[in-house]
């Protein structure tokens, strides 16, 4: 029931857990470059489940309902 955006699905995290440091570093750099490219194109990630209220972030609702319905496939993250 984890969302596809959960960091435990990142290939660099998985490689590091398996002791493959070289592959983990390569994957990490690839993921970071994908994130930079999305920002350059104005495709910054926006919080879906939280909103800013003054200086604090508060839960905006919808997480549990979406979890029950099933997760949408996000843009290619990893």
PDB file of N, CA and C in Angstrom:
ATOM      1  N   UNK A   1       0.812  -1.210   0.000  1.00  0.00           N
ATOM      2  CA  UNK A   1       0.000   0.000   0.000  1.00  0.00           C
ATOM      3  C   UNK A   1       0.848   1.264   0.000  1.00  0.00           C
ATOM      4  N   UNK A   2       2.151   1.126  -0.224  1.00  0.00           N
ATOM      5  CA  UNK A   2       3.006   2.307  -0.273  1.00  0.00           C
ATOM      6  C   UNK A   2       2.797   3.053  -1.583  1.00  0.00           C
ATOM      7  N   UNK A   3       2.832   4.377  -1.545  1.00  0.00           N
ATOM      8  CA  UNK A   3       2.720   5.138  -2.795  1.00  0.00           C
ATOM      9  C   UNK A   3       3.986   4.948  -3.635  1.00  0.00           C
ATOM     10  N   UNK A   4       3.856   5.058  -4.942  1.00  0.00           N
ATOM     11  CA  UNK A   4       5.025   4.858  -5.811  1.00  0.00           C
ATOM     12  C   UNK A   4       6.107   5.914  -5.603  1.00  0.00           C
ATOM     13  N   UNK A   5       5.783   6.982  -4.897  1.00  0.00           N
ATOM     14  CA  UNK A   5       6.760   8.031  -4.634  1.00  0.00           C
ATOM     15  C   UNK A   5       7.597   7.755  -3.388  1.00  0.00           C
ATOM     16  N   UNK A   6       7.315   6.672  -2.674  1.00  0.00           N
ATOM     17  CA  UNK A   6       8.054   6.341  -1.455  1.00  0.00           C
ATOM     18  C   UNK A   6       9.536   6.151  -1.798  1.00  0.00           C
ATOM     19  N   UNK A   7      10.409   6.768  -1.033  1.00  0.00           N
ATOM     20  CA  UNK A   7      11.845   6.737  -1.337  1.00  0.00           C
ATOM     21  C   UNK A   7      12.441   5.340  -1.257  1.00  0.00           C
ATOM     22  N   UNK A   8      11.742   4.412  -0.623  1.00  0.00           N
ATOM     23  CA  UNK A   8      12.246   3.038  -0.567  1.00  0.00           C
ATOM     24  C   UNK A   8      12.230   2.365  -1.926  1.00  0.00           C
ATOM     25  N   UNK A   9      11.544   2.952  -2.900  1.00  0.00           N
ATOM     26  CA  UNK A   9      11.524   2.403  -4.249  1.00  0.00           C
ATOM     27  C   UNK A   9      12.661   2.948  -5.116  1.00  0.00           C
ATOM     28  N   UNK A  10      13.429   3.892  -4.588  1.00  0.00           N
ATOM     29  CA  UNK A  10      14.519   4.470  -5.376  1.00  0.00           C
ATOM     30  C   UNK A  10      15.591   3.420  -5.643  1.00  0.00           C
ATOM     31  N   UNK A  11      16.022   3.292  -6.892  1.00  0.00           N
ATOM     32  CA  UNK A  11      17.029   2.275  -7.209  1.00  0.00           C
ATOM     33  C   UNK A  11      18.365   2.528  -6.517  1.00  0.00           C
ATOM     34  N   UNK A  12      18.701   3.792  -6.275  1.00  0.00           N
ATOM     35  CA  UNK A  12      19.975   4.063  -5.589  1.00  0.00           C
ATOM     36  C   UNK A  12      19.918   3.600  -4.135  1.00  0.00           C
ATOM     37  N   UNK A  13      18.760   3.761  -3.496  1.00  0.00           N
ATOM     38  CA  UNK A  13      18.597   3.288  -2.118  1.00  0.00           C
ATOM     39  C   UNK A  13      18.704   1.769  -2.069  1.00  0.00           C
ATOM     40  N   UNK A  14      18.046   1.118  -3.001  1.00  0.00           N
ATOM     41  CA  UNK A  14      18.062  -0.348  -3.056  1.00  0.00           C
ATOM     42  C   UNK A  14      19.487  -0.862  -3.287  1.00  0.00           C
ATOM     43  N   UNK A  15      20.211  -0.256  -4.219  1.00  0.00           N
ATOM     44  CA  UNK A  15      21.581  -0.687  -4.499  1.00  0.00           C
ATOM     45  C   UNK A  15      22.477  -0.499  -3.278  1.00  0.00           C
ATOM     46  N   UNK A  16      22.305   0.607  -2.578  1.00  0.00           N
ATOM     47  CA  UNK A  16      23.106   0.858  -1.385  1.00  0.00           C
ATOM     48  C   UNK A  16      22.794  -0.176  -0.298  1.00  0.00           C
ATOM     49  N   UNK A  17      21.519  -0.500  -0.132  1.00  0.00           N
ATOM     50  CA  UNK A  17      21.137  -1.520   0.846  1.00  0.00           C
ATOM     51  C   UNK A  17      21.759  -2.872   0.513  1.00  0.00           C
ATOM     52  N   UNK A  18      21.938  -3.138  -0.777  1.00  0.00           N
ATOM     53  CA  UNK A  18      22.519  -4.408  -1.208  1.00  0.00           C
ATOM     54  C   UNK A  18      24.038  -4.353  -1.249  1.00  0.00           C
ATOM     55  N   UNK A  19      24.625  -3.213  -0.872  1.00  0.00           N
ATOM     56  CA  UNK A  19      26.076  -3.091  -0.803  1.00  0.00           C
ATOM     57  C   UNK A  19      26.754  -2.717  -2.109  1.00  0.00           C
ATOM     58  N   UNK A  20      25.996  -2.361  -3.122  1.00  0.00           N
ATOM     59  CA  UNK A  20      26.557  -1.979  -4.418  1.00  0.00           C
ATOM     60  C   UNK A  20      26.716  -0.466  -4.467  1.00  0.00           C
ATOM     61  N   UNK A  21      27.792   0.023  -3.854  1.00  0.00           N
ATOM     62  CA  UNK A  21      28.002   1.467  -3.711  1.00  0.00           C
ATOM     63  C   UNK A  21      28.191   2.146  -5.064  1.00  0.00           C
ATOM     64  N   UNK A  22      28.928   1.532  -5.967  1.00  0.00           N
ATOM     65  CA  UNK A  22      29.181   2.115  -7.295  1.00  0.00           C
ATOM     66  C   UNK A  22      27.864   2.337  -8.049  1.00  0.00           C
ATOM     67  N   UNK A  23      27.030   1.318  -8.097  1.00  0.00           N
ATOM     68  CA  UNK A  23      25.746   1.432  -8.778  1.00  0.00           C
ATOM     69  C   UNK A  23      24.845   2.450  -8.083  1.00  0.00           C
ATOM     70  N   UNK A  24      24.877   2.468  -6.748  1.00  0.00           N
ATOM     71  CA  UNK A  24      24.069   3.419  -5.981  1.00  0.00           C
ATOM     72  C   UNK A  24      24.450   4.853  -6.339  1.00  0.00           C
ATOM     73  N   UNK A  25      25.739   5.123  -6.424  1.00  0.00           N
ATOM     74  CA  UNK A  25      26.201   6.475  -6.761  1.00  0.00           C
ATOM     75  C   UNK A  25      25.776   6.865  -8.174  1.00  0.00           C
ATOM     76  N   UNK A  26      25.900   5.938  -9.122  1.00  0.00           N
ATOM     77  CA  UNK A  26      25.493   6.222 -10.503  1.00  0.00           C
ATOM     78  C   UNK A  26      23.988   6.500 -10.584  1.00  0.00           C
ATOM     79  N   UNK A  27      23.197   5.673  -9.894  1.00  0.00           N
ATOM     80  CA  UNK A  27      21.743   5.878  -9.899  1.00  0.00           C
ATOM     81  C   UNK A  27      21.370   7.190  -9.228  1.00  0.00           C
ATOM     82  N   UNK A  28      22.047   7.519  -8.145  1.00  0.00           N
ATOM     83  CA  UNK A  28      21.764   8.766  -7.432  1.00  0.00           C
ATOM     84  C   UNK A  28      22.007   9.969  -8.341  1.00  0.00           C
ATOM     85  N   UNK A  29      23.118   9.957  -9.049  1.00  0.00           N
ATOM     86  CA  UNK A  29      23.421  11.058  -9.971  1.00  0.00           C
ATOM     87  C   UNK A  29      22.386  11.137 -11.091  1.00  0.00           C
ATOM     88  N   UNK A  30      21.948   9.975 -11.604  1.00  0.00           N
ATOM     89  CA  UNK A  30      20.940   9.947 -12.664  1.00  0.00           C
ATOM     90  C   UNK A  30      19.611  10.526 -12.163  1.00  0.00           C
ATOM     91  N   UNK A  31      19.180  10.122 -10.956  1.00  0.00           N
ATOM     92  CA  UNK A  31      17.932  10.617 -10.382  1.00  0.00           C
ATOM     93  C   UNK A  31      18.013  12.125 -10.145  1.00  0.00           C
ATOM     94  N   UNK A  32      19.139  12.588  -9.618  1.00  0.00           N
ATOM     95  CA  UNK A  32      19.305  14.023  -9.365  1.00  0.00           C
ATOM     96  C   UNK A  32      19.272  14.816 -10.660  1.00  0.00           C
ATOM     97  N   UNK A  33      19.873  14.286 -11.713  1.00  0.00           N
ATOM     98  CA  UNK A  33      19.856  14.999 -12.993  1.00  0.00           C
ATOM     99  C   UNK A  33      18.436  15.048 -13.564  1.00  0.00           C
ATOM    100  N   UNK A  34      17.668  13.976 -13.388  1.00  0.00           N
ATOM    101  CA  UNK A  34      16.266  13.988 -13.834  1.00  0.00           C
ATOM    102  C   UNK A  34      15.484  15.061 -13.078  1.00  0.00           C
ATOM    103  N   UNK A  35      15.736  15.192 -11.776  1.00  0.00           N
ATOM    104  CA  UNK A  35      15.065  16.214 -10.976  1.00  0.00           C
ATOM    105  C   UNK A  35      15.450  17.610 -11.449  1.00  0.00           C
ATOM    106  N   UNK A  36      16.725  17.821 -11.721  1.00  0.00           N
ATOM    107  CA  UNK A  36      17.180  19.133 -12.215  1.00  0.00           C
ATOM    108  C   UNK A  36      16.523  19.472 -13.551  1.00  0.00           C
ATOM    109  N   UNK A  37      16.441  18.470 -14.429  1.00  0.00           N
ATOM    110  CA  UNK A  37      15.829  18.696 -15.739  1.00  0.00           C
ATOM    111  C   UNK A  37      14.356  19.069 -15.595  1.00  0.00           C
ATOM    112  N   UNK A  38      13.630  18.406 -14.699  1.00  0.00           N
ATOM    113  CA  UNK A  38      12.229  18.761 -14.478  1.00  0.00           C
ATOM    114  C   UNK A  38      12.104  20.195 -13.972  1.00  0.00           C
ATOM    115  N   UNK A  39      12.999  20.612 -13.075  1.00  0.00           N
ATOM    116  CA  UNK A  39      12.962  21.988 -12.568  1.00  0.00           C
ATOM    117  C   UNK A  39      13.248  22.989 -13.679  1.00  0.00           C
ATOM    118  N   UNK A  40      14.219  22.669 -14.539  1.00  0.00           N
ATOM    119  CA  UNK A  40      14.536  23.570 -15.660  1.00  0.00           C
ATOM    120  C   UNK A  40      13.327  23.755 -16.564  1.00  0.00           C
ATOM    121  N   UNK A  41      12.521  22.730 -16.698  1.00  0.00           N
ATOM    122  CA  UNK A  41      11.329  22.793 -17.554  1.00  0.00           C
ATOM    123  C   UNK A  41      10.109  23.348 -16.824  1.00  0.00           C
ATOM    124  N   UNK A  42      10.300  23.754 -15.557  1.00  0.00           N
ATOM    125  CA  UNK A  42       9.193  24.313 -14.790  1.00  0.00           C
ATOM    126  C   UNK A  42       8.236  23.269 -14.256  1.00  0.00           C
ATOM    127  N   UNK A  43       8.709  22.042 -14.134  1.00  0.00           N
ATOM    128  CA  UNK A  43       7.859  20.954 -13.665  1.00  0.00           C
ATOM    129  C   UNK A  43       8.172  20.609 -12.206  1.00  0.00           C
ATOM    130  N   UNK A  44       8.387  21.619 -11.385  1.00  0.00           N
ATOM    131  CA  UNK A  44       8.672  21.395  -9.974  1.00  0.00           C
ATOM    132  C   UNK A  44       7.562  20.592  -9.315  1.00  0.00           C
ATOM    133  N   UNK A  45       7.945  19.718  -8.424  1.00  0.00           N
ATOM    134  CA  UNK A  45       6.953  18.939  -7.674  1.00  0.00           C
ATOM    135  C   UNK A  45       6.211  19.862  -6.714  1.00  0.00           C
ATOM    136  N   UNK A  46       4.931  19.654  -6.628  1.00  0.00           N
ATOM    137  CA  UNK A  46       4.105  20.422  -5.697  1.00  0.00           C
ATOM    138  C   UNK A  46       3.572  19.468  -4.639  1.00  0.00           C
ATOM    139  N   UNK A  47       3.572  19.876  -3.383  1.00  0.00           N
ATOM    140  CA  UNK A  47       3.030  19.004  -2.337  1.00  0.00           C
ATOM    141  C   UNK A  47       1.557  18.685  -2.622  1.00  0.00           C
ATOM    142  N   UNK A  48       1.217  17.417  -2.495  1.00  0.00           N
ATOM    143  CA  UNK A  48      -0.150  17.002  -2.779  1.00  0.00           C
ATOM    144  C   UNK A  48      -0.969  16.843  -1.502  1.00  0.00           C
ATOM    145  N   UNK A  49      -0.350  16.410  -0.451  1.00  0.00           N
ATOM    146  CA  UNK A  49      -1.083  16.096   0.773  1.00  0.00           C
ATOM    147  C   UNK A  49      -0.941  17.161   1.854  1.00  0.00           C
ATOM    148  N   UNK A  50      -0.117  18.178   1.591  1.00  0.00           N
ATOM    149  CA  UNK A  50       0.112  19.227   2.578  1.00  0.00           C
ATOM    150  C   UNK A  50       0.015  20.588   1.925  1.00  0.00           C
ATOM    151  N   UNK A  51      -0.317  21.606   2.731  1.00  0.00           N
ATOM    152  CA  UNK A  51      -0.332  22.983   2.258  1.00  0.00           C
ATOM    153  C   UNK A  51       0.317  23.855   3.323  1.00  0.00           C
ATOM    154  N   UNK A  52       0.851  24.952   2.884  1.00  0.00           N
ATOM    155  CA  UNK A  52       1.517  25.853   3.804  1.00  0.00           C
ATOM    156  C   UNK A  52       0.489  26.789   4.427  1.00  0.00           C
ATOM    157  N   UNK A  53       0.544  26.894   5.736  1.00  0.00           N
ATOM    158  CA  UNK A  53      -0.334  27.787   6.484  1.00  0.00           C
ATOM    159  C   UNK A  53       0.584  28.694   7.292  1.00  0.00           C
ATOM    160  N   UNK A  54       0.870  29.866   6.748  1.00  0.00           N
ATOM    161  CA  UNK A  54       1.861  30.736   7.381  1.00  0.00           C
ATOM    162  C   UNK A  54       3.237  30.107   7.229  1.00  0.00           C
ATOM    163  N   UNK A  55       3.896  29.855   8.335  1.00  0.00           N
ATOM    164  CA  UNK A  55       5.219  29.228   8.315  1.00  0.00           C
ATOM    165  C   UNK A  55       5.162  27.711   8.483  1.00  0.00           C
ATOM    166  N   UNK A  56       3.979  27.172   8.724  1.00  0.00           N
ATOM    167  CA  UNK A  56       3.845  25.749   9.002  1.00  0.00           C
ATOM    168  C   UNK A  56       3.183  25.006   7.851  1.00  0.00           C
ATOM    169  N   UNK A  57       3.519  23.732   7.712  1.00  0.00           N
ATOM    170  CA  UNK A  57       2.865  22.852   6.759  1.00  0.00           C
ATOM    171  C   UNK A  57       1.788  22.081   7.495  1.00  0.00           C
ATOM    172  N   UNK A  58       0.594  22.031   6.920  1.00  0.00           N
ATOM    173  CA  UNK A  58      -0.513  21.298   7.527  1.00  0.00           C
ATOM    174  C   UNK A  58      -1.062  20.285   6.519  1.00  0.00           C
ATOM    175  N   UNK A  59      -1.598  19.211   7.032  1.00  0.00           N
ATOM    176  CA  UNK A  59      -2.170  18.161   6.196  1.00  0.00           C
ATOM    177  C   UNK A  59      -3.397  18.703   5.463  1.00  0.00           C
ATOM    178  N   UNK A  60      -3.434  18.531   4.157  1.00  0.00           N
ATOM    179  CA  UNK A  60      -4.526  19.063   3.342  1.00  0.00           C
ATOM    180  C   UNK A  60      -5.630  18.039   3.099  1.00  0.00           C
ATOM    181  N   UNK A  61      -5.394  16.785   3.468  1.00  0.00           N
ATOM    182  CA  UNK A  61      -6.400  15.748   3.272  1.00  0.00           C
ATOM    183  C   UNK A  61      -6.227  15.001   1.968  1.00  0.00           C
ATOM    184  N   UNK A  62      -6.896  13.869   1.878  1.00  0.00           N
ATOM    185  CA  UNK A  62      -6.937  13.106   0.640  1.00  0.00           C
ATOM    186  C   UNK A  62      -6.020  11.901   0.563  1.00  0.00           C
ATOM    187  N   UNK A  63      -5.021  11.826   1.418  1.00  0.00           N
ATOM    188  CA  UNK A  63      -4.049  10.726   1.338  1.00  0.00           C
ATOM    189  C   UNK A  63      -4.730   9.370   1.534  1.00  0.00           C
ATOM    190  N   UNK A  64      -5.480   9.242   2.612  1.00  0.00           N
ATOM    191  CA  UNK A  64      -6.079   7.950   2.948  1.00  0.00           C
ATOM    192  C   UNK A  64      -7.119   7.532   1.907  1.00  0.00           C
ATOM    193  N   UNK A  65      -7.839   8.483   1.367  1.00  0.00           N
ATOM    194  CA  UNK A  65      -8.820   8.178   0.328  1.00  0.00           C
ATOM    195  C   UNK A  65      -8.119   7.673  -0.940  1.00  0.00           C
ATOM    196  N   UNK A  66      -7.029   8.343  -1.322  1.00  0.00           N
ATOM    197  CA  UNK A  66      -6.284   7.924  -2.508  1.00  0.00           C
ATOM    198  C   UNK A  66      -5.666   6.550  -2.288  1.00  0.00           C
ATOM    199  N   UNK A  67      -5.186   6.305  -1.099  1.00  0.00           N
ATOM    200  CA  UNK A  67      -4.588   5.010  -0.780  1.00  0.00           C
ATOM    201  C   UNK A  67      -5.612   3.886  -0.939  1.00  0.00           C
ATOM    202  N   UNK A  68      -6.832   4.140  -0.529  1.00  0.00           N
ATOM    203  CA  UNK A  68      -7.897   3.140  -0.679  1.00  0.00           C
ATOM    204  C   UNK A  68      -8.233   2.882  -2.145  1.00  0.00           C
ATOM    205  N   UNK A  69      -8.252   3.948  -2.957  1.00  0.00           N
ATOM    206  CA  UNK A  69      -8.596   3.812  -4.377  1.00  0.00           C
ATOM    207  C   UNK A  69      -7.461   3.209  -5.184  1.00  0.00           C
ATOM    208  N   UNK A  70      -6.232   3.358  -4.706  1.00  0.00           N
ATOM    209  CA  UNK A  70      -5.057   2.913  -5.462  1.00  0.00           C
ATOM    210  C   UNK A  70      -4.283   4.113  -5.944  1.00  0.00           C
ATOM    211  N   UNK A  71      -3.010   3.922  -6.120  1.00  0.00           N
ATOM    212  CA  UNK A  71      -2.122   5.028  -6.476  1.00  0.00           C
ATOM    213  C   UNK A  71      -2.097   5.263  -7.971  1.00  0.00           C
ATOM    214  N   UNK A  72      -2.045   6.515  -8.338  1.00  0.00           N
ATOM    215  CA  UNK A  72      -1.862   6.904  -9.728  1.00  0.00           C
ATOM    216  C   UNK A  72      -0.395   6.680 -10.071  1.00  0.00           C
ATOM    217  N   UNK A  73      -0.126   6.403 -11.322  1.00  0.00           N
ATOM    218  CA  UNK A  73       1.270   6.306 -11.739  1.00  0.00           C
ATOM    219  C   UNK A  73       1.827   7.706 -11.873  1.00  0.00           C
ATOM    220  N   UNK A  74       2.844   8.045 -11.086  1.00  0.00           N
ATOM    221  CA  UNK A  74       3.411   9.393 -11.193  1.00  0.00           C
ATOM    222  C   UNK A  74       4.310   9.501 -12.428  1.00  0.00           C
ATOM    223  N   UNK A  75       4.746  10.706 -12.690  1.00  0.00           N
ATOM    224  CA  UNK A  75       5.735  10.895 -13.745  1.00  0.00           C
ATOM    225  C   UNK A  75       6.955  10.058 -13.388  1.00  0.00           C
ATOM    226  N   UNK A  76       7.753   9.750 -14.385  1.00  0.00           N
ATOM    227  CA  UNK A  76       8.956   8.946 -14.134  1.00  0.00           C
ATOM    228  C   UNK A  76       9.817   9.622 -13.082  1.00  0.00           C
ATOM    229  N   UNK A  77       9.905   9.004 -11.898  1.00  0.00           N
ATOM    230  CA  UNK A  77      10.677   9.577 -10.811  1.00  0.00           C
ATOM    231  C   UNK A  77      12.064   8.982 -10.722  1.00  0.00           C
ATOM    232  N   UNK A  78      12.148   7.717 -10.958  1.00  0.00           N
ATOM    233  CA  UNK A  78      13.433   7.057 -10.788  1.00  0.00           C
ATOM    234  C   UNK A  78      13.887   6.560 -12.128  1.00  0.00           C
TER     235      UNK A  78
END
